[in-house]
Amino acid sequence: VQLQAFGGGLVRPGGSLRLSCTGSEALDYYAIGWIRQAPGKEREEVGCKSSSGGGSHYADSVKGRFAITRDNAKNMVYLEMNSLQPEDTAVYHCALCWYGVGEYEYGHWGQGTLVTVSS
């Protein structure tokens, strides 16, 4: 499956933005997550949402501010981002996710979308 994220842009600190993700095939049976990479930094996880949409996991850095939702009928997965801060500036990718050995793992990410948080 090939994934593509879109919907990034420039937002002021404290603002909100919603990113979207779609796939080359039906995403119903996949857990889908988001990862991000800030300039000059290593890639880090954002969170993972189960295929049914019932279970979710978030990195501590975004917990309570970001939420992953999915609309399987539209074959879309979303990342709702609130209370954005400059440190959230990064290229965001959607990816397949799963629980590995003691941690969540991510793969098959496609082209990302840039989110810039700045006044």
PDB file of N, CA and C in Angstrom:
ATOM      1  N   VAL A   1       0.836  -1.171   0.000  1.00  0.00           N
ATOM      2  CA  VAL A   1       0.000   0.000   0.000  1.00  0.00           C
ATOM      3  C   VAL A   1       0.891   1.248   0.000  1.00  0.00           C
ATOM      4  N   GLN A   2       0.505   2.219  -0.796  1.00  0.00           N
ATOM      5  CA  GLN A   2       1.215   3.500  -0.811  1.00  0.00           C
ATOM      6  C   GLN A   2       0.352   4.550  -0.135  1.00  0.00           C
ATOM      7  N   LEU A   3       0.977   5.275   0.749  1.00  0.00           N
ATOM      8  CA  LEU A   3       0.258   6.285   1.521  1.00  0.00           C
ATOM      9  C   LEU A   3       0.723   7.680   1.128  1.00  0.00           C
ATOM     10  N   GLN A   4      -0.183   8.634   1.215  1.00  0.00           N
ATOM     11  CA  GLN A   4       0.173  10.018   0.943  1.00  0.00           C
ATOM     12  C   GLN A   4      -0.525  10.935   1.924  1.00  0.00           C
ATOM     13  N   ALA A   5       0.251  11.803   2.518  1.00  0.00           N
ATOM     14  CA  ALA A   5      -0.281  12.794   3.453  1.00  0.00           C
ATOM     15  C   ALA A   5      -0.396  14.141   2.754  1.00  0.00           C
ATOM     16  N   PHE A   6      -1.382  14.911   3.148  1.00  0.00           N
ATOM     17  CA  PHE A   6      -1.522  16.261   2.603  1.00  0.00           C
ATOM     18  C   PHE A   6      -2.285  17.130   3.596  1.00  0.00           C
ATOM     19  N   GLY A   7      -2.275  18.442   3.328  1.00  0.00           N
ATOM     20  CA  GLY A   7      -2.995  19.363   4.182  1.00  0.00           C
ATOM     21  C   GLY A   7      -2.122  20.234   5.060  1.00  0.00           C
ATOM     22  N   GLY A   8      -0.801  20.130   4.924  1.00  0.00           N
ATOM     23  CA  GLY A   8       0.093  20.950   5.719  1.00  0.00           C
ATOM     24  C   GLY A   8       0.032  22.416   5.324  1.00  0.00           C
ATOM     25  N   GLY A   9       0.698  23.235   6.128  1.00  0.00           N
ATOM     26  CA  GLY A   9       0.718  24.650   5.840  1.00  0.00           C
ATOM     27  C   GLY A   9       1.320  25.434   6.989  1.00  0.00           C
ATOM     28  N   LEU A  10       1.138  26.722   6.938  1.00  0.00           N
ATOM     29  CA  LEU A  10       1.644  27.633   7.963  1.00  0.00           C
ATOM     30  C   LEU A  10       0.528  27.939   8.952  1.00  0.00           C
ATOM     31  N   VAL A  11       0.815  27.799  10.217  1.00  0.00           N
ATOM     32  CA  VAL A  11      -0.178  28.081  11.246  1.00  0.00           C
ATOM     33  C   VAL A  11       0.505  28.806  12.398  1.00  0.00           C
ATOM     34  N   ARG A  12      -0.250  29.678  13.049  1.00  0.00           N
ATOM     35  CA  ARG A  12       0.305  30.441  14.159  1.00  0.00           C
ATOM     36  C   ARG A  12       0.334  29.593  15.432  1.00  0.00           C
ATOM     37  N   PRO A  13       1.244  29.881  16.335  1.00  0.00           N
ATOM     38  CA  PRO A  13       1.260  29.153  17.616  1.00  0.00           C
ATOM     39  C   PRO A  13      -0.107  29.235  18.295  1.00  0.00           C
ATOM     40  N   GLY A  14      -0.526  28.100  18.835  1.00  0.00           N
ATOM     41  CA  GLY A  14      -1.837  28.013  19.449  1.00  0.00           C
ATOM     42  C   GLY A  14      -2.937  27.641  18.488  1.00  0.00           C
ATOM     43  N   GLY A  15      -2.632  27.607  17.222  1.00  0.00           N
ATOM     44  CA  GLY A  15      -3.629  27.302  16.209  1.00  0.00           C
ATOM     45  C   GLY A  15      -3.844  25.821  16.008  1.00  0.00           C
ATOM     46  N   SER A  16      -4.721  25.507  15.060  1.00  0.00           N
ATOM     47  CA  SER A  16      -5.088  24.126  14.771  1.00  0.00           C
ATOM     48  C   SER A  16      -4.941  23.854  13.278  1.00  0.00           C
ATOM     49  N   LEU A  17      -4.771  22.589  12.975  1.00  0.00           N
ATOM     50  CA  LEU A  17      -4.657  22.160  11.582  1.00  0.00           C
ATOM     51  C   LEU A  17      -5.051  20.695  11.504  1.00  0.00           C
ATOM     52  N   ARG A  18      -5.624  20.307  10.390  1.00  0.00           N
ATOM     53  CA  ARG A  18      -5.957  18.903  10.176  1.00  0.00           C
ATOM     54  C   ARG A  18      -5.235  18.392   8.934  1.00  0.00           C
ATOM     55  N   LEU A  19      -4.476  17.335   9.147  1.00  0.00           N
ATOM     56  CA  LEU A  19      -3.812  16.652   8.041  1.00  0.00           C
ATOM     57  C   LEU A  19      -4.638  15.449   7.601  1.00  0.00           C
ATOM     58  N   SER A  20      -4.515  15.128   6.321  1.00  0.00           N
ATOM     59  CA  SER A  20      -5.244  13.994   5.775  1.00  0.00           C
ATOM     60  C   SER A  20      -4.284  12.984   5.175  1.00  0.00           C
ATOM     61  N   CYS A  21      -4.715  11.744   5.138  1.00  0.00           N
ATOM     62  CA  CYS A  21      -3.917  10.660   4.581  1.00  0.00           C
ATOM     63  C   CYS A  21      -4.836   9.735   3.797  1.00  0.00           C
ATOM     64  N   THR A  22      -4.394   9.380   2.600  1.00  0.00           N
ATOM     65  CA  THR A  22      -5.133   8.412   1.818  1.00  0.00           C
ATOM     66  C   THR A  22      -4.166   7.362   1.299  1.00  0.00           C
ATOM     67  N   GLY A  23      -4.714   6.268   0.795  1.00  0.00           N
ATOM     68  CA  GLY A  23      -3.860   5.179   0.345  1.00  0.00           C
ATOM     69  C   GLY A  23      -4.212   4.688  -1.042  1.00  0.00           C
ATOM     70  N   SER A  24      -3.299   3.920  -1.613  1.00  0.00           N
ATOM     71  CA  SER A  24      -3.485   3.376  -2.955  1.00  0.00           C
ATOM     72  C   SER A  24      -4.461   2.200  -2.965  1.00  0.00           C
ATOM     73  N   GLU A  25      -4.781   1.680  -1.774  1.00  0.00           N
ATOM     74  CA  GLU A  25      -5.772   0.631  -1.626  1.00  0.00           C
ATOM     75  C   GLU A  25      -6.540   0.871  -0.343  1.00  0.00           C
ATOM     76  N   ALA A  26      -7.551   0.068  -0.117  1.00  0.00           N
ATOM     77  CA  ALA A  26      -8.379   0.251   1.072  1.00  0.00           C
ATOM     78  C   ALA A  26      -7.533   0.134   2.338  1.00  0.00           C
ATOM     79  N   LEU A  27      -7.757   1.046   3.248  1.00  0.00           N
ATOM     80  CA  LEU A  27      -6.977   1.099   4.488  1.00  0.00           C
ATOM     81  C   LEU A  27      -7.679   0.412   5.653  1.00  0.00           C
ATOM     82  N   ASP A  28      -8.860  -0.153   5.382  1.00  0.00           N
ATOM     83  CA  ASP A  28      -9.693  -0.717   6.461  1.00  0.00           C
ATOM     84  C   ASP A  28      -8.936  -1.661   7.381  1.00  0.00           C
ATOM     85  N   TYR A  29      -8.064  -2.474   6.820  1.00  0.00           N
ATOM     86  CA  TYR A  29      -7.457  -3.536   7.609  1.00  0.00           C
ATOM     87  C   TYR A  29      -6.102  -3.155   8.176  1.00  0.00           C
ATOM     88  N   TYR A  30      -5.716  -1.907   7.998  1.00  0.00           N
ATOM     89  CA  TYR A  30      -4.413  -1.475   8.479  1.00  0.00           C
ATOM     90  C   TYR A  30      -4.546  -0.528   9.661  1.00  0.00           C
ATOM     91  N   ALA A  31      -3.678  -0.709  10.635  1.00  0.00           N
ATOM     92  CA  ALA A  31      -3.501   0.342  11.631  1.00  0.00           C
ATOM     93  C   ALA A  31      -2.664   1.431  10.963  1.00  0.00           C
ATOM     94  N   ILE A  32      -3.107   2.671  11.078  1.00  0.00           N
ATOM     95  CA  ILE A  32      -2.432   3.784  10.429  1.00  0.00           C
ATOM     96  C   ILE A  32      -1.949   4.770  11.484  1.00  0.00           C
ATOM     97  N   GLY A  33      -0.740   5.230  11.324  1.00  0.00           N
ATOM     98  CA  GLY A  33      -0.183   6.181  12.259  1.00  0.00           C
ATOM     99  C   GLY A  33       0.455   7.358  11.565  1.00  0.00           C
ATOM    100  N   TRP A  34       1.026   8.206  12.366  1.00  0.00           N
ATOM    101  CA  TRP A  34       1.723   9.387  11.855  1.00  0.00           C
ATOM    102  C   TRP A  34       3.094   9.478  12.503  1.00  0.00           C
ATOM    103  N   ILE A  35       4.053   9.882  11.707  1.00  0.00           N
ATOM    104  CA  ILE A  35       5.385  10.179  12.194  1.00  0.00           C
ATOM    105  C   ILE A  35       5.761  11.560  11.690  1.00  0.00           C
ATOM    106  N   ARG A  36       6.786  12.154  12.272  1.00  0.00           N
ATOM    107  CA  ARG A  36       7.210  13.465  11.802  1.00  0.00           C
ATOM    108  C   ARG A  36       8.720  13.596  11.908  1.00  0.00           C
ATOM    109  N   GLN A  37       9.242  14.494  11.105  1.00  0.00           N
ATOM    110  CA  GLN A  37      10.670  14.766  11.146  1.00  0.00           C
ATOM    111  C   GLN A  37      10.888  16.263  11.028  1.00  0.00           C
ATOM    112  N   ALA A  38      11.425  16.822  12.090  1.00  0.00           N
ATOM    113  CA  ALA A  38      11.738  18.244  12.114  1.00  0.00           C
ATOM    114  C   ALA A  38      13.101  18.471  11.473  1.00  0.00           C
ATOM    115  N   PRO A  39      13.349  19.663  10.968  1.00  0.00           N
ATOM    116  CA  PRO A  39      14.639  19.957  10.337  1.00  0.00           C
ATOM    117  C   PRO A  39      15.803  19.677  11.282  1.00  0.00           C
ATOM    118  N   GLY A  40      16.733  18.887  10.827  1.00  0.00           N
ATOM    119  CA  GLY A  40      17.914  18.601  11.616  1.00  0.00           C
ATOM    120  C   GLY A  40      17.717  17.625  12.755  1.00  0.00           C
ATOM    121  N   LYS A  41      16.540  17.027  12.830  1.00  0.00           N
ATOM    122  CA  LYS A  41      16.257  16.086  13.915  1.00  0.00           C
ATOM    123  C   LYS A  41      15.886  14.719  13.381  1.00  0.00           C
ATOM    124  N   GLU A  42      15.932  13.744  14.261  1.00  0.00           N
ATOM    125  CA  GLU A  42      15.551  12.393  13.868  1.00  0.00           C
ATOM    126  C   GLU A  42      14.029  12.282  13.754  1.00  0.00           C
ATOM    127  N   ARG A  43      13.614  11.327  12.968  1.00  0.00           N
ATOM    128  CA  ARG A  43      12.194  11.043  12.831  1.00  0.00           C
ATOM    129  C   ARG A  43      11.633  10.576  14.175  1.00  0.00           C
ATOM    130  N   GLU A  44      10.419  10.998  14.497  1.00  0.00           N
ATOM    131  CA  GLU A  44       9.799  10.579  15.754  1.00  0.00           C
ATOM    132  C   GLU A  44       8.342  10.215  15.523  1.00  0.00           C
ATOM    133  N   GLU A  45       7.833   9.366  16.377  1.00  0.00           N
ATOM    134  CA  GLU A  45       6.447   8.968  16.238  1.00  0.00           C
ATOM    135  C   GLU A  45       5.532  10.071  16.743  1.00  0.00           C
ATOM    136  N   VAL A  46       4.333  10.091  16.157  1.00  0.00           N
ATOM    137  CA  VAL A  46       3.259  10.955  16.632  1.00  0.00           C
ATOM    138  C   VAL A  46       2.194  10.086  17.285  1.00  0.00           C
ATOM    139  N   GLY A  47       1.757   9.056  16.576  1.00  0.00           N
ATOM    140  CA  GLY A  47       0.758   8.171  17.149  1.00  0.00           C
ATOM    141  C   GLY A  47       0.280   7.136  16.165  1.00  0.00           C
ATOM    142  N   CYS A  48      -0.502   6.196  16.655  1.00  0.00           N
ATOM    143  CA  CYS A  48      -0.985   5.063  15.867  1.00  0.00           C
ATOM    144  C   CYS A  48      -2.447   4.815  16.207  1.00  0.00           C
ATOM    145  N   LYS A  49      -3.251   4.555  15.170  1.00  0.00           N
ATOM    146  CA  LYS A  49      -4.672   4.275  15.362  1.00  0.00           C
ATOM    147  C   LYS A  49      -4.989   2.898  14.804  1.00  0.00           C
ATOM    148  N   SER A  50      -5.723   2.111  15.562  1.00  0.00           N
ATOM    149  CA  SER A  50      -6.053   0.756  15.131  1.00  0.00           C
ATOM    150  C   SER A  50      -6.944   0.769  13.884  1.00  0.00           C
ATOM    151  N   SER A  51      -6.998  -0.377  13.200  1.00  0.00           N
ATOM    152  CA  SER A  51      -7.792  -0.476  11.978  1.00  0.00           C
ATOM    153  C   SER A  51      -9.270  -0.225  12.237  1.00  0.00           C
ATOM    154  N   SER A  52      -9.737  -0.634  13.410  1.00  0.00           N
ATOM    155  CA  SER A  52     -11.151  -0.435  13.741  1.00  0.00           C
ATOM    156  C   SER A  52     -11.429   0.972  14.201  1.00  0.00           C
ATOM    157  N   GLY A  53     -10.361   1.702  14.533  1.00  0.00           N
ATOM    158  CA  GLY A  53     -10.537   3.051  15.043  1.00  0.00           C
ATOM    159  C   GLY A  53     -10.778   3.108  16.539  1.00  0.00           C
ATOM    160  N   GLY A  54     -10.806   1.928  17.192  1.00  0.00           N
ATOM    161  CA  GLY A  54     -11.126   1.931  18.608  1.00  0.00           C
ATOM    162  C   GLY A  54      -9.947   2.236  19.517  1.00  0.00           C
ATOM    163  N   GLY A  55      -8.769   1.728  19.166  1.00  0.00           N
ATOM    164  CA  GLY A  55      -7.607   1.922  20.017  1.00  0.00           C
ATOM    165  C   GLY A  55      -6.636   2.917  19.413  1.00  0.00           C
ATOM    166  N   SER A  56      -5.933   3.647  20.261  1.00  0.00           N
ATOM    167  CA  SER A  56      -4.959   4.606  19.758  1.00  0.00           C
ATOM    168  C   SER A  56      -3.814   4.771  20.745  1.00  0.00           C
ATOM    169  N   HIS A  57      -2.706   5.197  20.232  1.00  0.00           N
ATOM    170  CA  HIS A  57      -1.497   5.451  21.026  1.00  0.00           C
ATOM    171  C   HIS A  57      -0.908   6.764  20.546  1.00  0.00           C
ATOM    172  N   TYR A  58      -0.443   7.579  21.489  1.00  0.00           N
ATOM    173  CA  TYR A  58       0.156   8.860  21.136  1.00  0.00           C
ATOM    174  C   TYR A  58       1.482   9.046  21.862  1.00  0.00           C
ATOM    175  N   ALA A  59       2.381   9.729  21.204  1.00  0.00           N
ATOM    176  CA  ALA A  59       3.623  10.108  21.850  1.00  0.00           C
ATOM    177  C   ALA A  59       3.316  11.125  22.949  1.00  0.00           C
ATOM    178  N   ASP A  60       4.113  11.112  23.986  1.00  0.00           N
ATOM    179  CA  ASP A  60       3.891  12.031  25.103  1.00  0.00           C
ATOM    180  C   ASP A  60       3.904  13.493  24.648  1.00  0.00           C
ATOM    181  N   SER A  61       4.697  13.782  23.633  1.00  0.00           N
ATOM    182  CA  SER A  61       4.847  15.164  23.182  1.00  0.00           C
ATOM    183  C   SER A  61       3.573  15.729  22.553  1.00  0.00           C
ATOM    184  N   VAL A  62       2.653  14.859  22.124  1.00  0.00           N
ATOM    185  CA  VAL A  62       1.439  15.350  21.470  1.00  0.00           C
ATOM    186  C   VAL A  62       0.170  14.917  22.197  1.00  0.00           C
ATOM    187  N   LYS A  63       0.322  14.106  23.216  1.00  0.00           N
ATOM    188  CA  LYS A  63      -0.850  13.572  23.924  1.00  0.00           C
ATOM    189  C   LYS A  63      -1.705  14.718  24.475  1.00  0.00           C
ATOM    190  N   GLY A  64      -2.998  14.644  24.234  1.00  0.00           N
ATOM    191  CA  GLY A  64      -3.916  15.678  24.682  1.00  0.00           C
ATOM    192  C   GLY A  64      -4.075  16.834  23.712  1.00  0.00           C
ATOM    193  N   ARG A  65      -3.194  16.914  22.714  1.00  0.00           N
ATOM    194  CA  ARG A  65      -3.281  17.987  21.712  1.00  0.00           C
ATOM    195  C   ARG A  65      -3.622  17.450  20.318  1.00  0.00           C
ATOM    196  N   PHE A  66      -3.125  16.286  20.008  1.00  0.00           N
ATOM    197  CA  PHE A  66      -3.334  15.684  18.683  1.00  0.00           C
ATOM    198  C   PHE A  66      -4.271  14.494  18.816  1.00  0.00           C
ATOM    199  N   ALA A  67      -5.015  14.239  17.753  1.00  0.00           N
ATOM    200  CA  ALA A  67      -5.891  13.065  17.727  1.00  0.00           C
ATOM    201  C   ALA A  67      -5.935  12.503  16.309  1.00  0.00           C
ATOM    202  N   ILE A  68      -5.857  11.186  16.223  1.00  0.00           N
ATOM    203  CA  ILE A  68      -5.966  10.504  14.933  1.00  0.00           C
ATOM    204  C   ILE A  68      -7.389   9.964  14.797  1.00  0.00           C
ATOM    205  N   THR A  69      -8.016  10.311  13.710  1.00  0.00           N
ATOM    206  CA  THR A  69      -9.348   9.786  13.424  1.00  0.00           C
ATOM    207  C   THR A  69      -9.331   9.151  12.042  1.00  0.00           C
ATOM    208  N   ARG A  70     -10.305   8.324  11.786  1.00  0.00           N
ATOM    209  CA  ARG A  70     -10.349   7.693  10.482  1.00  0.00           C
ATOM    210  C   ARG A  70     -11.777   7.550   9.999  1.00  0.00           C
ATOM    211  N   ASP A  71     -11.922   7.661   8.696  1.00  0.00           N
ATOM    212  CA  ASP A  71     -13.212   7.452   8.039  1.00  0.00           C
ATOM    213  C   ASP A  71     -12.985   6.381   6.988  1.00  0.00           C
ATOM    214  N   ASN A  72     -13.207   5.149   7.365  1.00  0.00           N
ATOM    215  CA  ASN A  72     -12.922   4.041   6.456  1.00  0.00           C
ATOM    216  C   ASN A  72     -13.807   4.075   5.210  1.00  0.00           C
ATOM    217  N   ALA A  73     -14.987   4.643   5.326  1.00  0.00           N
ATOM    218  CA  ALA A  73     -15.877   4.738   4.168  1.00  0.00           C
ATOM    219  C   ALA A  73     -15.272   5.638   3.085  1.00  0.00           C
ATOM    220  N   LYS A  74     -14.512   6.632   3.507  1.00  0.00           N
ATOM    221  CA  LYS A  74     -13.866   7.552   2.567  1.00  0.00           C
ATOM    222  C   LYS A  74     -12.404   7.174   2.317  1.00  0.00           C
ATOM    223  N   ASN A  75     -11.953   6.106   2.978  1.00  0.00           N
ATOM    224  CA  ASN A  75     -10.555   5.683   2.878  1.00  0.00           C
ATOM    225  C   ASN A  75      -9.600   6.794   3.281  1.00  0.00           C
ATOM    226  N   MET A  76      -9.929   7.447   4.378  1.00  0.00           N
ATOM    227  CA  MET A  76      -9.131   8.566   4.840  1.00  0.00           C
ATOM    228  C   MET A  76      -8.774   8.379   6.317  1.00  0.00           C
ATOM    229  N   VAL A  77      -7.596   8.852   6.665  1.00  0.00           N
ATOM    230  CA  VAL A  77      -7.164   8.932   8.055  1.00  0.00           C
ATOM    231  C   VAL A  77      -6.717  10.373   8.276  1.00  0.00           C
ATOM    232  N   TYR A  78      -7.060  10.912   9.436  1.00  0.00           N
ATOM    233  CA  TYR A  78      -6.777  12.312   9.710  1.00  0.00           C
ATOM    234  C   TYR A  78      -5.910  12.468  10.960  1.00  0.00           C
ATOM    235  N   LEU A  79      -5.166  13.533  10.992  1.00  0.00           N
ATOM    236  CA  LEU A  79      -4.435  13.930  12.195  1.00  0.00           C
ATOM    237  C   LEU A  79      -4.927  15.332  12.561  1.00  0.00           C
ATOM    238  N   GLU A  80      -5.699  15.386  13.630  1.00  0.00           N
ATOM    239  CA  GLU A  80      -6.214  16.657  14.131  1.00  0.00           C
ATOM    240  C   GLU A  80      -5.193  17.217  15.110  1.00  0.00           C
ATOM    241  N   MET A  81      -4.688  18.403  14.825  1.00  0.00           N
ATOM    242  CA  MET A  81      -3.634  18.987  15.655  1.00  0.00           C
ATOM    243  C   MET A  81      -4.146  20.297  16.249  1.00  0.00           C
ATOM    244  N   ASN A  82      -4.090  20.376  17.565  1.00  0.00           N
ATOM    245  CA  ASN A  82      -4.534  21.574  18.277  1.00  0.00           C
ATOM    246  C   ASN A  82      -3.394  22.106  19.138  1.00  0.00           C
ATOM    247  N   SER A  83      -3.533  23.349  19.561  1.00  0.00           N
ATOM    248  CA  SER A  83      -2.525  23.991  20.422  1.00  0.00           C
ATOM    249  C   SER A  83      -1.128  23.815  19.843  1.00  0.00           C
ATOM    250  N   LEU A  84      -0.993  24.060  18.573  1.00  0.00           N
ATOM    251  CA  LEU A  84       0.296  23.861  17.906  1.00  0.00           C
ATOM    252  C   LEU A  84       1.341  24.834  18.423  1.00  0.00           C
ATOM    253  N   GLN A  85       2.558  24.310  18.510  1.00  0.00           N
ATOM    254  CA  GLN A  85       3.696  25.087  18.995  1.00  0.00           C
ATOM    255  C   GLN A  85       4.814  25.036  17.957  1.00  0.00           C
ATOM    256  N   PRO A  86       5.726  25.983  18.016  1.00  0.00           N
ATOM    257  CA  PRO A  86       6.833  25.977  17.037  1.00  0.00           C
ATOM    258  C   PRO A  86       7.582  24.654  16.984  1.00  0.00           C
ATOM    259  N   GLU A  87       7.679  23.965  18.099  1.00  0.00           N
ATOM    260  CA  GLU A  87       8.392  22.677  18.112  1.00  0.00           C
ATOM    261  C   GLU A  87       7.632  21.579  17.377  1.00  0.00           C
ATOM    262  N   ASP A  88       6.393  21.855  16.961  1.00  0.00           N
ATOM    263  CA  ASP A  88       5.639  20.902  16.147  1.00  0.00           C
ATOM    264  C   ASP A  88       5.965  21.049  14.662  1.00  0.00           C
ATOM    265  N   THR A  89       6.753  22.041  14.325  1.00  0.00           N
ATOM    266  CA  THR A  89       7.156  22.230  12.931  1.00  0.00           C
ATOM    267  C   THR A  89       7.927  21.016  12.441  1.00  0.00           C
ATOM    268  N   ALA A  90       7.448  20.418  11.347  1.00  0.00           N
ATOM    269  CA  ALA A  90       8.063  19.197  10.827  1.00  0.00           C
ATOM    270  C   ALA A  90       7.364  18.791   9.544  1.00  0.00           C
ATOM    271  N   VAL A  91       7.986  17.845   8.860  1.00  0.00           N
ATOM    272  CA  VAL A  91       7.300  17.148   7.772  1.00  0.00           C
ATOM    273  C   VAL A  91       6.581  15.959   8.390  1.00  0.00           C
ATOM    274  N   TYR A  92       5.305  15.865   8.162  1.00  0.00           N
ATOM    275  CA  TYR A  92       4.478  14.807   8.725  1.00  0.00           C
ATOM    276  C   TYR A  92       4.161  13.770   7.654  1.00  0.00           C
ATOM    277  N   HIS A  93       4.326  12.503   8.037  1.00  0.00           N
ATOM    278  CA  HIS A  93       4.026  11.391   7.146  1.00  0.00           C
ATOM    279  C   HIS A  93       3.001  10.478   7.800  1.00  0.00           C
ATOM    280  N   CYS A  94       2.089   9.948   7.014  1.00  0.00           N
ATOM    281  CA  CYS A  94       1.268   8.855   7.534  1.00  0.00           C
ATOM    282  C   CYS A  94       1.955   7.534   7.172  1.00  0.00           C
ATOM    283  N   ALA A  95       1.716   6.528   7.990  1.00  0.00           N
ATOM    284  CA  ALA A  95       2.444   5.273   7.845  1.00  0.00           C
ATOM    285  C   ALA A  95       1.626   4.121   8.396  1.00  0.00           C
ATOM    286  N   LEU A  96       1.975   2.906   7.974  1.00  0.00           N
ATOM    287  CA  LEU A  96       1.429   1.742   8.650  1.00  0.00           C
ATOM    288  C   LEU A  96       2.088   1.662  10.024  1.00  0.00           C
ATOM    289  N   CYS A  97       1.360   1.168  10.996  1.00  0.00           N
ATOM    290  CA  CYS A  97       1.943   1.062  12.331  1.00  0.00           C
ATOM    291  C   CYS A  97       1.523  -0.255  12.959  1.00  0.00           C
ATOM    292  N   TRP A  98       2.341  -0.708  13.910  1.00  0.00           N
ATOM    293  CA  TRP A  98       2.063  -1.949  14.631  1.00  0.00           C
ATOM    294  C   TRP A  98       2.843  -1.936  15.918  1.00  0.00           C
ATOM    295  N   TYR A  99       2.434  -2.811  16.838  1.00  0.00           N
ATOM    296  CA  TYR A  99       3.139  -2.886  18.107  1.00  0.00           C
ATOM    297  C   TYR A  99       4.193  -3.956  17.985  1.00  0.00           C
ATOM    298  N   GLY A 100       5.455  -3.545  18.111  1.00  0.00           N
ATOM    299  CA  GLY A 100       6.558  -4.490  18.005  1.00  0.00           C
ATOM    300  C   GLY A 100       6.988  -4.989  19.360  1.00  0.00           C
ATOM    301  N   VAL A 101       8.285  -5.027  19.552  1.00  0.00           N
ATOM    302  CA  VAL A 101       8.843  -5.520  20.815  1.00  0.00           C
ATOM    303  C   VAL A 101       8.968  -4.339  21.768  1.00  0.00           C
ATOM    304  N   GLY A 102       7.943  -4.137  22.548  1.00  0.00           N
ATOM    305  CA  GLY A 102       7.988  -3.096  23.553  1.00  0.00           C
ATOM    306  C   GLY A 102       7.730  -1.688  23.082  1.00  0.00           C
ATOM    307  N   GLU A 103       7.466  -1.517  21.795  1.00  0.00           N
ATOM    308  CA  GLU A 103       7.207  -0.177  21.298  1.00  0.00           C
ATOM    309  C   GLU A 103       6.441  -0.250  19.975  1.00  0.00           C
ATOM    310  N   TYR A 104       5.860   0.861  19.596  1.00  0.00           N
ATOM    311  CA  TYR A 104       5.180   0.938  18.310  1.00  0.00           C
ATOM    312  C   TYR A 104       6.205   1.161  17.206  1.00  0.00           C
ATOM    313  N   GLU A 105       5.955   0.541  16.079  1.00  0.00           N
ATOM    314  CA  GLU A 105       6.826   0.675  14.938  1.00  0.00           C
ATOM    315  C   GLU A 105       6.037   1.189  13.735  1.00  0.00           C
ATOM    316  N   TYR A 106       6.749   1.819  12.811  1.00  0.00           N
ATOM    317  CA  TYR A 106       6.099   2.467  11.682  1.00  0.00           C
ATOM    318  C   TYR A 106       6.840   2.122  10.392  1.00  0.00           C
ATOM    319  N   GLY A 107       6.086   1.999   9.311  1.00  0.00           N
ATOM    320  CA  GLY A 107       6.722   1.706   8.029  1.00  0.00           C
ATOM    321  C   GLY A 107       5.810   2.073   6.882  1.00  0.00           C
ATOM    322  N   HIS A 108       6.317   1.955   5.674  1.00  0.00           N
ATOM    323  CA  HIS A 108       5.566   2.212   4.451  1.00  0.00           C
ATOM    324  C   HIS A 108       5.056   3.646   4.363  1.00  0.00           C
ATOM    325  N   TRP A 109       5.789   4.587   5.006  1.00  0.00           N
ATOM    326  CA  TRP A 109       5.336   5.965   4.859  1.00  0.00           C
ATOM    327  C   TRP A 109       5.646   6.484   3.473  1.00  0.00           C
ATOM    328  N   GLY A 110       4.790   7.384   3.027  1.00  0.00           N
ATOM    329  CA  GLY A 110       4.965   7.953   1.699  1.00  0.00           C
ATOM    330  C   GLY A 110       5.397   9.401   1.794  1.00  0.00           C
ATOM    331  N   GLN A 111       5.035  10.145   0.775  1.00  0.00           N
ATOM    332  CA  GLN A 111       5.388  11.558   0.751  1.00  0.00           C
ATOM    333  C   GLN A 111       4.691  12.295   1.884  1.00  0.00           C
ATOM    334  N   GLY A 112       5.411  13.132   2.564  1.00  0.00           N
ATOM    335  CA  GLY A 112       4.871  13.851   3.695  1.00  0.00           C
ATOM    336  C   GLY A 112       4.366  15.230   3.334  1.00  0.00           C
ATOM    337  N   THR A 113       3.903  15.918   4.349  1.00  0.00           N
ATOM    338  CA  THR A 113       3.402  17.279   4.165  1.00  0.00           C
ATOM    339  C   THR A 113       3.995  18.154   5.263  1.00  0.00           C
ATOM    340  N   LEU A 114       4.429  19.353   4.884  1.00  0.00           N
ATOM    341  CA  LEU A 114       5.142  20.228   5.804  1.00  0.00           C
ATOM    342  C   LEU A 114       4.169  21.064   6.628  1.00  0.00           C
ATOM    343  N   VAL A 115       4.388  21.039   7.924  1.00  0.00           N
ATOM    344  CA  VAL A 115       3.644  21.897   8.848  1.00  0.00           C
ATOM    345  C   VAL A 115       4.629  22.868   9.467  1.00  0.00           C
ATOM    346  N   THR A 116       4.353  24.137   9.343  1.00  0.00           N
ATOM    347  CA  THR A 116       5.207  25.168   9.921  1.00  0.00           C
ATOM    348  C   THR A 116       4.386  25.968  10.916  1.00  0.00           C
ATOM    349  N   VAL A 117       4.857  26.004  12.154  1.00  0.00           N
ATOM    350  CA  VAL A 117       4.180  26.751  13.207  1.00  0.00           C
ATOM    351  C   VAL A 117       5.044  27.963  13.536  1.00  0.00           C
ATOM    352  N   SER A 118       4.544  29.124  13.189  1.00  0.00           N
ATOM    353  CA  SER A 118       5.335  30.336  13.357  1.00  0.00           C
ATOM    354  C   SER A 118       4.418  31.548  13.382  1.00  0.00           C
ATOM    355  N   SER A 119       4.832  32.547  14.130  1.00  0.00           N
ATOM    356  CA  SER A 119       4.076  33.797  14.159  1.00  0.00           C
ATOM    357  C   SER A 119       4.586  34.747  13.087  1.00  0.00           C
TER     358      SER A 119
END
